[in-house]
Amino acid sequence: MASFCYIVECSDGTLYTGWTTDPERREKEHNAGCGAYYTRIRRPVKLVFVEEQPDRSTAQKREYALKRLTRAKKKALIESK
């Protein structure tokens, strides 16, 4: 089953990175307050980056790598897609 890494931009301009099997559903969950606490207090969020991965394990590894990027590198990655 395909999984996805994603980045959402929060209302305060910060970026949140995660993984899911359905990026659009996950964005709706974040905006409904059912997502992570970080996004719950920074709503609304906007999906700005999605990257498909072949499986959950790969998506989780990629999420970890994305979380370690600086804000500038995340912004560059978002703009390159």
Protein backbone atom coordinates (compact mmCIF):
# COMPACT_ATOMS: atom_id res chain seq x y z
CA MET A 1 0.00 0.00 0.00
CA ALA A 2 1.36 3.40 -0.96
CA SER A 3 2.11 5.88 1.77
CA PHE A 4 2.94 9.55 1.58
CA CYS A 5 5.18 12.03 3.35
CA TYR A 6 3.66 15.47 3.60
CA ILE A 7 4.34 18.96 4.84
CA VAL A 8 1.61 21.34 5.92
CA GLU A 9 2.05 25.04 6.51
CA CYS A 10 0.34 26.23 9.67
CA SER A 11 -1.46 29.54 10.10
CA ASP A 12 1.56 30.99 11.91
CA GLY A 13 3.85 30.10 8.98
CA THR A 14 5.52 27.13 10.64
CA LEU A 15 5.88 23.81 8.82
CA TYR A 16 4.72 20.42 10.11
CA THR A 17 5.91 17.15 8.58
CA GLY A 18 4.16 13.79 8.79
CA TRP A 19 3.24 10.64 6.89
CA THR A 20 -0.12 9.15 5.95
CA THR A 21 -1.90 6.87 3.49
CA ASP A 22 -4.25 9.69 2.38
CA PRO A 23 -2.84 13.25 2.36
CA GLU A 24 -6.14 15.04 1.65
CA ARG A 25 -7.93 13.21 4.48
CA ARG A 26 -5.03 13.96 6.81
CA GLU A 27 -5.16 17.68 5.98
CA LYS A 28 -8.88 17.67 6.81
CA GLU A 29 -8.16 15.88 10.10
CA HIS A 30 -5.54 18.48 11.04
CA ASN A 31 -7.99 21.29 10.23
CA ALA A 32 -10.77 19.59 12.21
CA GLY A 33 -8.52 19.49 15.28
CA CYS A 34 -8.06 15.72 15.13
CA GLY A 35 -4.42 15.90 14.11
CA ALA A 36 -1.32 16.43 16.16
CA TYR A 37 -1.39 18.91 19.05
CA TYR A 38 1.13 21.05 17.17
CA THR A 39 -1.27 21.63 14.27
CA ARG A 40 -4.36 21.73 16.49
CA ILE A 41 -3.24 25.04 18.02
CA ARG A 42 -2.03 26.45 14.68
CA ARG A 43 -5.08 25.94 12.46
CA PRO A 44 -5.88 26.21 9.67
CA VAL A 45 -3.15 24.27 7.92
CA LYS A 46 -2.50 24.04 4.19
CA LEU A 47 -1.01 21.01 2.44
CA VAL A 48 2.07 22.32 0.61
CA PHE A 49 4.12 19.18 -0.15
CA VAL A 50 3.30 15.53 -0.84
CA GLU A 51 5.74 12.78 -1.79
CA GLU A 52 4.60 9.24 -2.50
CA GLN A 53 6.52 6.36 -0.93
CA PRO A 54 6.17 2.65 -1.72
CA ASP A 55 5.33 1.56 1.83
CA ARG A 56 4.86 2.69 5.41
CA SER A 57 8.40 1.94 6.52
CA THR A 58 9.90 3.98 3.71
CA ALA A 59 7.48 6.83 4.40
CA GLN A 60 8.43 6.89 8.08
CA LYS A 61 12.14 6.95 7.23
CA ARG A 62 11.60 9.77 4.75
CA GLU A 63 9.50 11.68 7.30
CA TYR A 64 12.38 11.45 9.77
CA ALA A 65 14.80 12.75 7.14
CA LEU A 66 12.46 15.64 6.25
CA LYS A 67 12.04 16.60 9.90
CA ARG A 68 15.80 16.97 10.21
CA LEU A 69 15.98 19.48 7.35
CA THR A 70 16.29 23.16 8.11
CA ARG A 71 13.34 25.41 7.39
CA ALA A 72 15.19 26.89 4.41
CA LYS A 73 15.79 23.43 2.93
CA LYS A 74 12.14 22.45 3.47
CA LYS A 75 11.01 25.64 1.71
CA ALA A 76 13.38 24.89 -1.19
CA LEU A 77 11.99 21.36 -1.43
CA ILE A 78 8.41 22.69 -1.44
CA GLU A 79 9.20 25.21 -4.16
CA SER A 80 10.97 22.60 -6.30
CA LYS A 81 7.84 20.40 -6.51
